[in-house]
PDB file of N, CA and C in Angstrom:
ATOM      1  N   MET A   1       3.176 -22.110   9.397  1.00  0.00           N
ATOM      2  CA  MET A   1       1.825 -22.791   9.222  1.00  0.00           C
ATOM      3  C   MET A   1       1.823 -22.968   8.000  1.00  0.00           C
ATOM      4  N   PRO A   2       1.811 -24.664   7.517  1.00  0.00           N
ATOM      5  CA  PRO A   2       1.606 -25.020   6.107  1.00  0.00           C
ATOM      6  C   PRO A   2       0.043 -24.571   5.537  1.00  0.00           C
ATOM      7  N   LEU A   3      -0.126 -24.432   4.307  1.00  0.00           N
ATOM      8  CA  LEU A   3      -1.176 -24.201   3.779  1.00  0.00           C
ATOM      9  C   LEU A   3      -2.248 -25.640   3.851  1.00  0.00           C
ATOM     10  N   THR A   4      -3.546 -24.894   3.953  1.00  0.00           N
ATOM     11  CA  THR A   4      -4.410 -26.574   3.629  1.00  0.00           C
ATOM     12  C   THR A   4      -4.281 -26.347   1.884  1.00  0.00           C
ATOM     13  N   SER A   5      -4.812 -27.378   1.344  1.00  0.00           N
ATOM     14  CA  SER A   5      -4.874 -27.830   0.320  1.00  0.00           C
ATOM     15  C   SER A   5      -5.594 -26.625  -0.649  1.00  0.00           C
ATOM     16  N   ASP A   6      -6.478 -26.030  -0.098  1.00  0.00           N
ATOM     17  CA  ASP A   6      -7.660 -25.010  -0.456  1.00  0.00           C
ATOM     18  C   ASP A   6      -7.008 -23.612  -0.893  1.00  0.00           C
ATOM     19  N   GLU A   7      -6.050 -23.592   0.549  1.00  0.00           N
ATOM     20  CA  GLU A   7      -5.469 -22.422   0.282  1.00  0.00           C
ATOM     21  C   GLU A   7      -4.083 -22.372  -0.715  1.00  0.00           C
ATOM     22  N   GLN A   8      -3.658 -23.593  -0.893  1.00  0.00           N
ATOM     23  CA  GLN A   8      -2.689 -23.488  -1.970  1.00  0.00           C
ATOM     24  C   GLN A   8      -3.295 -23.671  -3.088  1.00  0.00           C
ATOM     25  N   THR A   9      -4.336 -23.744  -3.056  1.00  0.00           N
ATOM     26  CA  THR A   9      -4.676 -23.897  -4.814  1.00  0.00           C
ATOM     27  C   THR A   9      -5.075 -22.447  -5.138  1.00  0.00           C
ATOM     28  N   LEU A  10      -5.501 -21.690  -4.229  1.00  0.00           N
ATOM     29  CA  LEU A  10      -5.782 -20.195  -4.252  1.00  0.00           C
ATOM     30  C   LEU A  10      -4.617 -19.301  -4.432  1.00  0.00           C
ATOM     31  N   TRP A  11      -3.515 -19.856  -3.793  1.00  0.00           N
ATOM     32  CA  TRP A  11      -2.375 -18.950  -4.115  1.00  0.00           C
ATOM     33  C   TRP A  11      -2.201 -19.487  -5.698  1.00  0.00           C
ATOM     34  N   GLU A  12      -1.915 -20.628  -5.844  1.00  0.00           N
ATOM     35  CA  GLU A  12      -1.110 -20.731  -7.193  1.00  0.00           C
ATOM     36  C   GLU A  12      -2.529 -20.426  -8.612  1.00  0.00           C
ATOM     37  N   ILE A  13      -4.093 -19.996  -8.172  1.00  0.00           N
ATOM     38  CA  ILE A  13      -4.569 -18.940  -9.240  1.00  0.00           C
ATOM     39  C   ILE A  13      -4.367 -17.662  -8.877  1.00  0.00           C
ATOM     40  N   PHE A  14      -4.321 -17.066  -8.125  1.00  0.00           N
ATOM     41  CA  PHE A  14      -4.238 -15.581  -7.583  1.00  0.00           C
ATOM     42  C   PHE A  14      -2.505 -14.866  -7.823  1.00  0.00           C
ATOM     43  N   HIS A  15      -1.935 -15.905  -7.389  1.00  0.00           N
ATOM     44  CA  HIS A  15      -0.607 -15.216  -7.078  1.00  0.00           C
ATOM     45  C   HIS A  15       0.525 -16.231  -7.791  1.00  0.00           C
ATOM     46  N   PRO A  16       0.190 -16.873  -8.797  1.00  0.00           N
ATOM     47  CA  PRO A  16       1.274 -17.740  -9.637  1.00  0.00           C
ATOM     48  C   PRO A  16       2.502 -17.491  -9.624  1.00  0.00           C
ATOM     49  N   TYR A  17       3.378 -16.097  -9.406  1.00  0.00           N
ATOM     50  CA  TYR A  17       4.472 -15.681  -9.578  1.00  0.00           C
ATOM     51  C   TYR A  17       4.997 -16.021  -8.382  1.00  0.00           C
ATOM     52  N   ALA A  18       4.169 -15.327  -7.264  1.00  0.00           N
ATOM     53  CA  ALA A  18       4.632 -15.595  -5.802  1.00  0.00           C
ATOM     54  C   ALA A  18       4.962 -17.250  -5.157  1.00  0.00           C
ATOM     55  N   TRP A  19       3.689 -17.516  -5.988  1.00  0.00           N
ATOM     56  CA  TRP A  19       3.694 -19.347  -5.448  1.00  0.00           C
ATOM     57  C   TRP A  19       4.916 -19.892  -6.290  1.00  0.00           C
ATOM     58  N   GLU A  20       5.333 -19.616  -7.083  1.00  0.00           N
ATOM     59  CA  GLU A  20       6.338 -20.163  -8.247  1.00  0.00           C
ATOM     60  C   GLU A  20       7.720 -19.831  -7.217  1.00  0.00           C
ATOM     61  N   GLN A  21       7.930 -18.656  -6.719  1.00  0.00           N
ATOM     62  CA  GLN A  21       9.356 -18.388  -6.284  1.00  0.00           C
ATOM     63  C   GLN A  21       9.266 -18.526  -4.757  1.00  0.00           C
ATOM     64  N   GLU A  22       7.897 -18.772  -4.370  1.00  0.00           N
ATOM     65  CA  GLU A  22       8.059 -19.633  -2.598  1.00  0.00           C
ATOM     66  C   GLU A  22       8.739 -21.162  -2.809  1.00  0.00           C
ATOM     67  N   LEU A  23       8.111 -21.611  -4.158  1.00  0.00           N
ATOM     68  CA  LEU A  23       8.547 -22.711  -4.290  1.00  0.00           C
ATOM     69  C   LEU A  23      10.196 -23.039  -4.525  1.00  0.00           C
ATOM     70  N   ARG A  24      10.419 -22.004  -5.227  1.00  0.00           N
ATOM     71  CA  ARG A  24      11.866 -21.763  -5.557  1.00  0.00           C
ATOM     72  C   ARG A  24      12.809 -21.575  -4.271  1.00  0.00           C
ATOM     73  N   ALA A  25      12.073 -20.849  -3.577  1.00  0.00           N
ATOM     74  CA  ALA A  25      12.885 -20.009  -2.527  1.00  0.00           C
ATOM     75  C   ALA A  25      13.023 -21.580  -1.532  1.00  0.00           C
ATOM     76  N   ASN A  26      12.170 -22.016  -1.636  1.00  0.00           N
ATOM     77  CA  ASN A  26      12.278 -23.582  -0.405  1.00  0.00           C
ATOM     78  C   ASN A  26      13.013 -24.459  -1.142  1.00  0.00           C
ATOM     79  N   ASN A  27      12.853 -24.849  -2.028  1.00  0.00           N
ATOM     80  CA  ASN A  27      13.802 -25.765  -2.622  1.00  0.00           C
ATOM     81  C   ASN A  27      15.257 -25.582  -3.229  1.00  0.00           C
ATOM     82  N   GLU A  28      15.296 -24.110  -3.189  1.00  0.00           N
ATOM     83  CA  GLU A  28      16.865 -24.020  -3.484  1.00  0.00           C
ATOM     84  C   GLU A  28      17.454 -23.347  -2.341  1.00  0.00           C
ATOM     85  N   HIS A  29      17.113 -23.419  -1.572  1.00  0.00           N
ATOM     86  CA  HIS A  29      17.628 -22.571   0.066  1.00  0.00           C
ATOM     87  C   HIS A  29      18.038 -21.268  -0.102  1.00  0.00           C
ATOM     88  N   PHE A  30      17.003 -20.480  -0.401  1.00  0.00           N
ATOM     89  CA  PHE A  30      17.516 -19.121  -0.867  1.00  0.00           C
ATOM     90  C   PHE A  30      17.959 -18.677   0.373  1.00  0.00           C
ATOM     91  N   ARG A  31      18.589 -17.579   0.503  1.00  0.00           N
ATOM     92  CA  ARG A  31      18.938 -16.755   2.078  1.00  0.00           C
ATOM     93  C   ARG A  31      18.446 -15.365   1.485  1.00  0.00           C
ATOM     94  N   PHE A  32      18.007 -14.711   2.434  1.00  0.00           N
ATOM     95  CA  PHE A  32      17.282 -13.257   2.013  1.00  0.00           C
ATOM     96  C   PHE A  32      18.203 -12.046   2.732  1.00  0.00           C
ATOM     97  N   SER A  33      18.266 -11.083   2.539  1.00  0.00           N
ATOM     98  CA  SER A  33      18.594  -9.808   3.064  1.00  0.00           C
ATOM     99  C   SER A  33      17.715  -8.686   3.693  1.00  0.00           C
ATOM    100  N   HIS A  34      17.664  -8.265   4.753  1.00  0.00           N
ATOM    101  CA  HIS A  34      16.685  -7.006   5.103  1.00  0.00           C
ATOM    102  C   HIS A  34      17.436  -5.829   5.557  1.00  0.00           C
ATOM    103  N   TYR A  35      17.712  -4.979   5.010  1.00  0.00           N
ATOM    104  CA  TYR A  35      18.532  -3.804   4.873  1.00  0.00           C
ATOM    105  C   TYR A  35      17.980  -2.859   6.113  1.00  0.00           C
ATOM    106  N   THR A  36      18.717  -2.685   6.980  1.00  0.00           N
ATOM    107  CA  THR A  36      18.326  -1.991   8.369  1.00  0.00           C
ATOM    108  C   THR A  36      19.208  -1.317   9.000  1.00  0.00           C
ATOM    109  N   ARG A  37      19.026  -0.710   9.802  1.00  0.00           N
ATOM    110  CA  ARG A  37      20.390   0.304  10.589  1.00  0.00           C
ATOM    111  C   ARG A  37      20.788  -1.193  11.826  1.00  0.00           C
ATOM    112  N   ALA A  38      22.294  -1.259  12.025  1.00  0.00           N
ATOM    113  CA  ALA A  38      22.507  -2.021  12.948  1.00  0.00           C
ATOM    114  C   ALA A  38      21.960  -2.364  14.227  1.00  0.00           C
ATOM    115  N   GLU A  39      21.602  -1.340  14.807  1.00  0.00           N
ATOM    116  CA  GLU A  39      20.527  -1.379  15.763  1.00  0.00           C
ATOM    117  C   GLU A  39      19.717  -2.359  15.902  1.00  0.00           C
ATOM    118  N   SER A  40      18.705  -1.711  14.669  1.00  0.00           N
ATOM    119  CA  SER A  40      17.695  -2.589  14.405  1.00  0.00           C
ATOM    120  C   SER A  40      17.665  -3.945  14.396  1.00  0.00           C
ATOM    121  N   ALA A  41      18.918  -4.320  13.320  1.00  0.00           N
ATOM    122  CA  ALA A  41      19.420  -5.613  13.257  1.00  0.00           C
ATOM    123  C   ALA A  41      19.208  -6.297  14.299  1.00  0.00           C
ATOM    124  N   LEU A  42      20.419  -5.737  15.507  1.00  0.00           N
ATOM    125  CA  LEU A  42      20.152  -6.559  16.878  1.00  0.00           C
ATOM    126  C   LEU A  42      19.178  -6.673  17.382  1.00  0.00           C
ATOM    127  N   ASN A  43      18.131  -5.855  17.410  1.00  0.00           N
ATOM    128  CA  ASN A  43      16.549  -5.740  18.071  1.00  0.00           C
ATOM    129  C   ASN A  43      15.940  -6.912  17.375  1.00  0.00           C
ATOM    130  N   ILE A  44      16.510  -7.419  16.176  1.00  0.00           N
ATOM    131  CA  ILE A  44      15.685  -8.583  15.223  1.00  0.00           C
ATOM    132  C   ILE A  44      16.007  -9.813  15.840  1.00  0.00           C
ATOM    133  N   ILE A  45      17.451  -9.737  16.058  1.00  0.00           N
ATOM    134  CA  ILE A  45      18.252 -11.004  16.501  1.00  0.00           C
ATOM    135  C   ILE A  45      18.051 -11.299  17.648  1.00  0.00           C
ATOM    136  N   ASP A  46      17.777 -10.224  18.656  1.00  0.00           N
ATOM    137  CA  ASP A  46      17.405 -10.753  20.030  1.00  0.00           C
ATOM    138  C   ASP A  46      16.048 -11.180  20.352  1.00  0.00           C
ATOM    139  N   SER A  47      15.078 -10.480  19.807  1.00  0.00           N
ATOM    140  CA  SER A  47      13.511 -10.640  19.725  1.00  0.00           C
ATOM    141  C   SER A  47      13.222 -11.738  18.811  1.00  0.00           C
ATOM    142  N   LYS A  48      14.062 -11.997  17.751  1.00  0.00           N
ATOM    143  CA  LYS A  48      13.588 -12.571  17.049  1.00  0.00           C
ATOM    144  C   LYS A  48      12.204 -12.347  15.991  1.00  0.00           C
ATOM    145  N   ARG A  49      12.201 -11.288  15.994  1.00  0.00           N
ATOM    146  CA  ARG A  49      10.579 -10.634  15.397  1.00  0.00           C
ATOM    147  C   ARG A  49      11.247  -9.040  14.598  1.00  0.00           C
ATOM    148  N   PHE A  50      10.523  -8.924  13.742  1.00  0.00           N
ATOM    149  CA  PHE A  50      11.053  -7.467  12.802  1.00  0.00           C
ATOM    150  C   PHE A  50       9.451  -6.958  12.734  1.00  0.00           C
ATOM    151  N   TRP A  51       9.537  -5.377  12.726  1.00  0.00           N
ATOM    152  CA  TRP A  51       8.171  -4.714  12.742  1.00  0.00           C
ATOM    153  C   TRP A  51       8.064  -4.383  11.453  1.00  0.00           C
ATOM    154  N   MET A  52       6.766  -4.647  11.028  1.00  0.00           N
ATOM    155  CA  MET A  52       6.677  -4.165   9.514  1.00  0.00           C
ATOM    156  C   MET A  52       6.508  -2.362   9.392  1.00  0.00           C
ATOM    157  N   ARG A  53       6.390  -1.552   8.829  1.00  0.00           N
ATOM    158  CA  ARG A  53       6.232  -0.501   8.580  1.00  0.00           C
ATOM    159  C   ARG A  53       5.075  -0.237   7.712  1.00  0.00           C
ATOM    160  N   LYS A  54       4.011   0.648   8.610  1.00  0.00           N
ATOM    161  CA  LYS A  54       2.822   1.192   7.968  1.00  0.00           C
ATOM    162  C   LYS A  54       2.952   2.095   6.709  1.00  0.00           C
ATOM    163  N   THR A  55       2.507   1.322   5.971  1.00  0.00           N
ATOM    164  CA  THR A  55       2.576   2.037   4.605  1.00  0.00           C
ATOM    165  C   THR A  55       2.035   3.855   4.299  1.00  0.00           C
ATOM    166  N   ASN A  56       1.547   4.283   5.107  1.00  0.00           N
ATOM    167  CA  ASN A  56       0.535   5.548   4.859  1.00  0.00           C
ATOM    168  C   ASN A  56       1.629   6.432   5.779  1.00  0.00           C
ATOM    169  N   CYS A  57       2.921   5.922   6.378  1.00  0.00           N
ATOM    170  CA  CYS A  57       3.883   6.484   6.942  1.00  0.00           C
ATOM    171  C   CYS A  57       5.044   6.527   6.027  1.00  0.00           C
ATOM    172  N   MET A  58       4.995   6.176   5.055  1.00  0.00           N
ATOM    173  CA  MET A  58       6.337   5.776   4.613  1.00  0.00           C
ATOM    174  C   MET A  58       6.186   7.501   3.397  1.00  0.00           C
ATOM    175  N   SER A  59       7.474   7.739   2.926  1.00  0.00           N
ATOM    176  CA  SER A  59       7.605   8.803   2.001  1.00  0.00           C
ATOM    177  C   SER A  59       6.358   8.766   0.948  1.00  0.00           C
ATOM    178  N   ASP A  60       6.338   7.341   0.331  1.00  0.00           N
ATOM    179  CA  ASP A  60       6.053   7.452  -0.688  1.00  0.00           C
ATOM    180  C   ASP A  60       4.516   6.307  -0.633  1.00  0.00           C
ATOM    181  N   PHE A  61       4.008   6.947   0.159  1.00  0.00           N
ATOM    182  CA  PHE A  61       2.131   6.223   0.394  1.00  0.00           C
ATOM    183  C   PHE A  61       1.506   6.275  -0.464  1.00  0.00           C
ATOM    184  N   THR A  62       1.622   6.699  -1.898  1.00  0.00           N
ATOM    185  CA  THR A  62       1.040   6.509  -2.625  1.00  0.00           C
ATOM    186  C   THR A  62       0.967   5.614  -3.548  1.00  0.00           C
ATOM    187  N   GLU A  63       1.758   4.419  -3.435  1.00  0.00           N
ATOM    188  CA  GLU A  63       1.986   2.880  -3.845  1.00  0.00           C
ATOM    189  C   GLU A  63       0.852   2.037  -3.780  1.00  0.00           C
ATOM    190  N   VAL A  64       0.267   2.056  -2.391  1.00  0.00           N
ATOM    191  CA  VAL A  64      -0.954   1.367  -2.199  1.00  0.00           C
ATOM    192  C   VAL A  64      -2.410   2.069  -2.632  1.00  0.00           C
ATOM    193  N   GLU A  65      -2.077   3.270  -2.897  1.00  0.00           N
ATOM    194  CA  GLU A  65      -3.167   3.744  -3.638  1.00  0.00           C
ATOM    195  C   GLU A  65      -3.030   3.687  -5.133  1.00  0.00           C
ATOM    196  N   HIS A  66      -2.123   3.841  -5.645  1.00  0.00           N
ATOM    197  CA  HIS A  66      -1.995   2.998  -7.097  1.00  0.00           C
ATOM    198  C   HIS A  66      -2.490   1.516  -7.849  1.00  0.00           C
ATOM    199  N   GLY A  67      -1.971   1.006  -6.321  1.00  0.00           N
ATOM    200  CA  GLY A  67      -2.214  -0.782  -6.479  1.00  0.00           C
ATOM    201  C   GLY A  67      -3.714  -1.030  -6.602  1.00  0.00           C
ATOM    202  N   ILE A  68      -4.188  -0.001  -5.700  1.00  0.00           N
ATOM    203  CA  ILE A  68      -5.960  -0.208  -5.656  1.00  0.00           C
ATOM    204  C   ILE A  68      -6.355   0.282  -7.084  1.00  0.00           C
ATOM    205  N   ASN A  69      -5.896   1.144  -7.455  1.00  0.00           N
ATOM    206  CA  ASN A  69      -6.485   2.205  -8.763  1.00  0.00           C
ATOM    207  C   ASN A  69      -6.584   0.897  -9.968  1.00  0.00           C
ATOM    208  N   CYS A  70      -5.057   0.350  -9.919  1.00  0.00           N
ATOM    209  CA  CYS A  70      -5.108  -0.726 -10.828  1.00  0.00           C
ATOM    210  C   CYS A  70      -5.991  -2.004 -10.999  1.00  0.00           C
ATOM    211  N   ILE A  71      -6.172  -2.488  -9.659  1.00  0.00           N
ATOM    212  CA  ILE A  71      -6.830  -3.428  -9.645  1.00  0.00           C
ATOM    213  C   ILE A  71      -8.433  -2.879  -9.908  1.00  0.00           C
ATOM    214  N   VAL A  72      -8.839  -1.803  -9.509  1.00  0.00           N
ATOM    215  CA  VAL A  72     -10.138  -1.384  -9.667  1.00  0.00           C
ATOM    216  C   VAL A  72     -10.461  -1.491 -11.229  1.00  0.00           C
ATOM    217  N   ASN A  73      -9.322  -0.317 -11.918  1.00  0.00           N
ATOM    218  CA  ASN A  73      -9.049  -0.508 -13.466  1.00  0.00           C
ATOM    219  C   ASN A  73      -9.300  -1.683 -14.219  1.00  0.00           C
ATOM    220  N   THR A  74      -8.482  -2.395 -14.065  1.00  0.00           N
ATOM    221  CA  THR A  74      -8.433  -3.557 -14.469  1.00  0.00           C
ATOM    222  C   THR A  74      -9.863  -4.574 -14.254  1.00  0.00           C
ATOM    223  N   TYR A  75     -10.418  -4.499 -13.007  1.00  0.00           N
ATOM    224  CA  TYR A  75     -11.515  -5.237 -13.137  1.00  0.00           C
ATOM    225  C   TYR A  75     -12.310  -4.763 -14.002  1.00  0.00           C
ATOM    226  N   ASN A  76     -12.847  -3.301 -13.753  1.00  0.00           N
ATOM    227  CA  ASN A  76     -14.149  -2.678 -14.413  1.00  0.00           C
ATOM    228  C   ASN A  76     -13.912  -2.454 -15.948  1.00  0.00           C
ATOM    229  N   LYS A  77     -12.432  -2.052 -16.203  1.00  0.00           N
ATOM    230  CA  LYS A  77     -12.267  -1.447 -17.764  1.00  0.00           C
ATOM    231  C   LYS A  77     -11.528  -2.415 -18.525  1.00  0.00           C
ATOM    232  N   THR A  78     -11.387  -3.184 -18.470  1.00  0.00           N
ATOM    233  CA  THR A  78     -10.618  -4.145 -19.171  1.00  0.00           C
ATOM    234  C   THR A  78     -11.227  -5.208 -19.727  1.00  0.00           C
ATOM    235  N   LYS A  79     -11.033  -5.768 -20.983  1.00  0.00           N
ATOM    236  CA  LYS A  79     -11.481  -7.250 -21.324  1.00  0.00           C
ATOM    237  C   LYS A  79     -11.243  -8.267 -20.025  1.00  0.00           C
ATOM    238  N   SER A  80     -10.136  -8.132 -19.889  1.00  0.00           N
ATOM    239  CA  SER A  80      -9.911  -9.454 -18.974  1.00  0.00           C
ATOM    240  C   SER A  80     -10.720  -9.280 -17.573  1.00  0.00           C
ATOM    241  N   GLY A  81     -11.164  -8.041 -17.097  1.00  0.00           N
ATOM    242  CA  GLY A  81     -11.552  -7.908 -15.837  1.00  0.00           C
ATOM    243  C   GLY A  81     -13.229  -8.133 -16.151  1.00  0.00           C
ATOM    244  N   ILE A  82     -13.814  -7.790 -17.285  1.00  0.00           N
ATOM    245  CA  ILE A  82     -15.355  -7.641 -17.821  1.00  0.00           C
ATOM    246  C   ILE A  82     -15.328  -9.569 -18.026  1.00  0.00           C
ATOM    247  N   LYS A  83     -14.293 -10.180 -18.505  1.00  0.00           N
ATOM    248  CA  LYS A  83     -14.341 -11.667 -18.659  1.00  0.00           C
ATOM    249  C   LYS A  83     -14.366 -12.345 -17.615  1.00  0.00           C
ATOM    250  N   PHE A  84     -13.290 -11.793 -16.386  1.00  0.00           N
ATOM    251  CA  PHE A  84     -13.196 -12.328 -14.987  1.00  0.00           C
ATOM    252  C   PHE A  84     -14.744 -12.385 -14.673  1.00  0.00           C
ATOM    253  N   GLN A  85     -15.514 -10.895 -14.506  1.00  0.00           N
ATOM    254  CA  GLN A  85     -16.900 -10.794 -13.841  1.00  0.00           C
ATOM    255  C   GLN A  85     -17.809 -11.905 -14.303  1.00  0.00           C
ATOM    256  N   ALA A  86     -17.828 -12.231 -15.568  1.00  0.00           N
ATOM    257  CA  ALA A  86     -18.657 -12.882 -16.278  1.00  0.00           C
ATOM    258  C   ALA A  86     -18.527 -14.479 -15.825  1.00  0.00           C
ATOM    259  N   THR A  87     -17.246 -14.623 -15.684  1.00  0.00           N
ATOM    260  CA  THR A  87     -16.881 -16.010 -15.189  1.00  0.00           C
ATOM    261  C   THR A  87     -17.555 -16.326 -13.693  1.00  0.00           C
ATOM    262  N   LEU A  88     -17.146 -15.345 -13.036  1.00  0.00           N
ATOM    263  CA  LEU A  88     -17.745 -15.359 -11.254  1.00  0.00           C
ATOM    264  C   LEU A  88     -18.875 -15.377 -11.408  1.00  0.00           C
ATOM    265  N   ASN A  89     -19.642 -14.555 -11.963  1.00  0.00           N
ATOM    266  CA  ASN A  89     -21.406 -14.434 -12.237  1.00  0.00           C
ATOM    267  C   ASN A  89     -22.032 -15.868 -12.801  1.00  0.00           C
ATOM    268  N   GLU A  90     -21.093 -16.678 -13.753  1.00  0.00           N
ATOM    269  CA  GLU A  90     -21.908 -17.860 -13.862  1.00  0.00           C
ATOM    270  C   GLU A  90     -21.339 -18.672 -13.076  1.00  0.00           C
ATOM    271  N   ILE A  91     -20.527 -19.112 -12.167  1.00  0.00           N
ATOM    272  CA  ILE A  91     -20.046 -20.056 -11.561  1.00  0.00           C
ATOM    273  C   ILE A  91     -21.195 -19.716  -9.792  1.00  0.00           C
ATOM    274  N   PHE A  92     -21.122 -18.264  -9.702  1.00  0.00           N
ATOM    275  CA  PHE A  92     -22.005 -18.199  -8.713  1.00  0.00           C
ATOM    276  C   PHE A  92     -23.121 -16.758  -9.094  1.00  0.00           C
ATOM    277  N   ASP A  93     -23.937 -17.053  -9.492  1.00  0.00           N
ATOM    278  CA  ASP A  93     -25.355 -16.028  -9.858  1.00  0.00           C
ATOM    279  C   ASP A  93     -25.401 -14.657  -8.876  1.00  0.00           C
ATOM    280  N   GLY A  94     -24.971 -13.595  -9.784  1.00  0.00           N
ATOM    281  CA  GLY A  94     -24.937 -12.390  -8.916  1.00  0.00           C
ATOM    282  C   GLY A  94     -23.568 -12.107  -8.195  1.00  0.00           C
ATOM    283  N   PHE A  95     -22.666 -13.039  -7.938  1.00  0.00           N
ATOM    284  CA  PHE A  95     -21.235 -12.549  -7.149  1.00  0.00           C
ATOM    285  C   PHE A  95     -20.886 -11.548  -7.530  1.00  0.00           C
ATOM    286  N   THR A  96     -20.775 -10.977  -8.745  1.00  0.00           N
ATOM    287  CA  THR A  96     -19.935  -9.455  -8.475  1.00  0.00           C
ATOM    288  C   THR A  96     -20.649  -8.608  -7.854  1.00  0.00           C
ATOM    289  N   SER A  97     -22.023  -8.270  -8.099  1.00  0.00           N
ATOM    290  CA  SER A  97     -22.751  -7.075  -7.448  1.00  0.00           C
ATOM    291  C   SER A  97     -23.124  -7.492  -6.112  1.00  0.00           C
ATOM    292  N   ARG A  98     -22.828  -8.484  -5.317  1.00  0.00           N
ATOM    293  CA  ARG A  98     -22.473  -8.904  -3.978  1.00  0.00           C
ATOM    294  C   ARG A  98     -21.040  -8.333  -3.143  1.00  0.00           C
ATOM    295  N   ILE A  99     -20.140  -8.761  -4.519  1.00  0.00           N
ATOM    296  CA  ILE A  99     -18.658  -8.441  -3.850  1.00  0.00           C
ATOM    297  C   ILE A  99     -18.004  -7.094  -4.180  1.00  0.00           C
ATOM    298  N   ALA A 100     -18.572  -6.324  -5.169  1.00  0.00           N
ATOM    299  CA  ALA A 100     -17.692  -5.569  -5.422  1.00  0.00           C
ATOM    300  C   ALA A 100     -18.367  -4.259  -3.897  1.00  0.00           C
ATOM    301  N   PRO A 101     -19.748  -3.880  -3.740  1.00  0.00           N
ATOM    302  CA  PRO A 101     -19.756  -3.205  -2.565  1.00  0.00           C
ATOM    303  C   PRO A 101     -18.646  -3.275  -1.262  1.00  0.00           C
ATOM    304  N   LEU A 102     -18.229  -4.761  -0.903  1.00  0.00           N
ATOM    305  CA  LEU A 102     -17.903  -5.190   0.337  1.00  0.00           C
ATOM    306  C   LEU A 102     -15.829  -4.703  -0.155  1.00  0.00           C
ATOM    307  N   PHE A 103     -15.750  -4.651  -1.092  1.00  0.00           N
ATOM    308  CA  PHE A 103     -14.439  -4.575  -1.514  1.00  0.00           C
ATOM    309  C   PHE A 103     -14.265  -2.936  -1.650  1.00  0.00           C
ATOM    310  N   ASN A 104     -15.577  -2.187  -2.084  1.00  0.00           N
ATOM    311  CA  ASN A 104     -15.421  -0.615  -2.101  1.00  0.00           C
ATOM    312  C   ASN A 104     -15.072  -0.367  -0.582  1.00  0.00           C
ATOM    313  N   ARG A 105     -15.744  -0.923   0.338  1.00  0.00           N
ATOM    314  CA  ARG A 105     -15.835  -0.736   1.920  1.00  0.00           C
ATOM    315  C   ARG A 105     -14.609  -0.796   2.494  1.00  0.00           C
ATOM    316  N   TRP A 106     -13.763  -1.927   1.916  1.00  0.00           N
ATOM    317  CA  TRP A 106     -12.618  -2.077   2.296  1.00  0.00           C
ATOM    318  C   TRP A 106     -11.437  -1.318   1.954  1.00  0.00           C
ATOM    319  N   ILE A 107     -11.608  -0.752   0.761  1.00  0.00           N
ATOM    320  CA  ILE A 107     -10.378   0.228   0.424  1.00  0.00           C
ATOM    321  C   ILE A 107      -9.874   1.462   1.391  1.00  0.00           C
ATOM    322  N   PRO A 108     -10.885   2.131   2.509  1.00  0.00           N
ATOM    323  CA  PRO A 108     -10.579   3.080   2.949  1.00  0.00           C
ATOM    324  C   PRO A 108      -9.285   2.176   4.324  1.00  0.00           C
ATOM    325  N   SER A 109      -9.929   0.772   4.258  1.00  0.00           N
ATOM    326  CA  SER A 109      -8.934   0.139   5.344  1.00  0.00           C
ATOM    327  C   SER A 109      -7.469  -0.502   4.850  1.00  0.00           C
ATOM    328  N   ILE A 110      -7.968  -0.776   3.824  1.00  0.00           N
ATOM    329  CA  ILE A 110      -6.574  -1.335   2.910  1.00  0.00           C
ATOM    330  C   ILE A 110      -5.654   0.024   2.699  1.00  0.00           C
ATOM    331  N   LYS A 111      -5.696   0.885   2.576  1.00  0.00           N
ATOM    332  CA  LYS A 111      -4.927   2.219   2.720  1.00  0.00           C
ATOM    333  C   LYS A 111      -4.550   2.470   3.771  1.00  0.00           C
ATOM    334  N   LEU A 112      -5.095   2.573   4.754  1.00  0.00           N
ATOM    335  CA  LEU A 112      -4.883   3.137   6.268  1.00  0.00           C
ATOM    336  C   LEU A 112      -4.123   1.920   6.935  1.00  0.00           C
ATOM    337  N   ASP A 113      -4.261   0.690   6.579  1.00  0.00           N
ATOM    338  CA  ASP A 113      -3.945  -0.476   7.672  1.00  0.00           C
ATOM    339  C   ASP A 113      -2.512  -1.772   6.954  1.00  0.00           C
ATOM    340  N   THR A 114      -2.134  -0.868   6.070  1.00  0.00           N
ATOM    341  CA  THR A 114      -1.285  -1.950   5.206  1.00  0.00           C
ATOM    342  C   THR A 114       0.112  -1.864   5.611  1.00  0.00           C
ATOM    343  N   TYR A 115       0.808  -3.020   5.924  1.00  0.00           N
ATOM    344  CA  TYR A 115       2.115  -2.871   6.554  1.00  0.00           C
ATOM    345  C   TYR A 115       2.876  -3.735   5.433  1.00  0.00           C
ATOM    346  N   ILE A 116       4.092  -3.001   5.527  1.00  0.00           N
ATOM    347  CA  ILE A 116       5.174  -3.831   4.620  1.00  0.00           C
ATOM    348  C   ILE A 116       6.447  -4.275   5.431  1.00  0.00           C
ATOM    349  N   ALA A 117       7.487  -5.062   4.705  1.00  0.00           N
ATOM    350  CA  ALA A 117       8.994  -5.227   5.246  1.00  0.00           C
ATOM    351  C   ALA A 117       9.090  -5.685   4.242  1.00  0.00           C
ATOM    352  N   CYS A 118      10.373  -5.407   3.798  1.00  0.00           N
ATOM    353  CA  CYS A 118      11.352  -5.859   2.399  1.00  0.00           C
ATOM    354  C   CYS A 118      12.265  -6.357   2.656  1.00  0.00           C
ATOM    355  N   PHE A 119      12.333  -7.601   1.814  1.00  0.00           N
ATOM    356  CA  PHE A 119      13.451  -8.156   1.994  1.00  0.00           C
ATOM    357  C   PHE A 119      14.242  -9.054   0.581  1.00  0.00           C
ATOM    358  N   SER A 120      15.503  -8.782   0.211  1.00  0.00           N
ATOM    359  CA  SER A 120      15.912  -9.056  -0.736  1.00  0.00           C
ATOM    360  C   SER A 120      16.663 -10.374  -0.869  1.00  0.00           C
ATOM    361  N   VAL A 121      16.569 -10.931  -2.015  1.00  0.00           N
ATOM    362  CA  VAL A 121      17.104 -12.623  -1.932  1.00  0.00           C
ATOM    363  C   VAL A 121      18.627 -12.202  -2.169  1.00  0.00           C
ATOM    364  N   HIS A 122      19.600 -13.040  -1.363  1.00  0.00           N
ATOM    365  CA  HIS A 122      20.610 -12.565  -0.976  1.00  0.00           C
ATOM    366  C   HIS A 122      21.324 -13.125  -2.223  1.00  0.00           C
TER     367      HIS A 122
END
């Protein structure tokens, strides 16, 4: 499904590297690999679907927690994070005091309900 203009702008701002790679993949017609067992590969081909894995069922489930800690520490304890908060508050008065509690309430859900799939450029 194509992105709306607003969604594209948000991707470009918040995920510039991912956005650039997606453009490259589309323009250069990348091929991707998904490493799996032969039985699973046949199921993917037959169903035209793949299953994502719940991160808290993985052997190293702490990666999601580490990522959350990086976001929280950067947002709260770095010059860039403080400047980001100030900018948001300039644009939307009191924004960060309203968004922080919401994000903090989402953290348990993010830890429990994150799914991933791994692909490599071939």
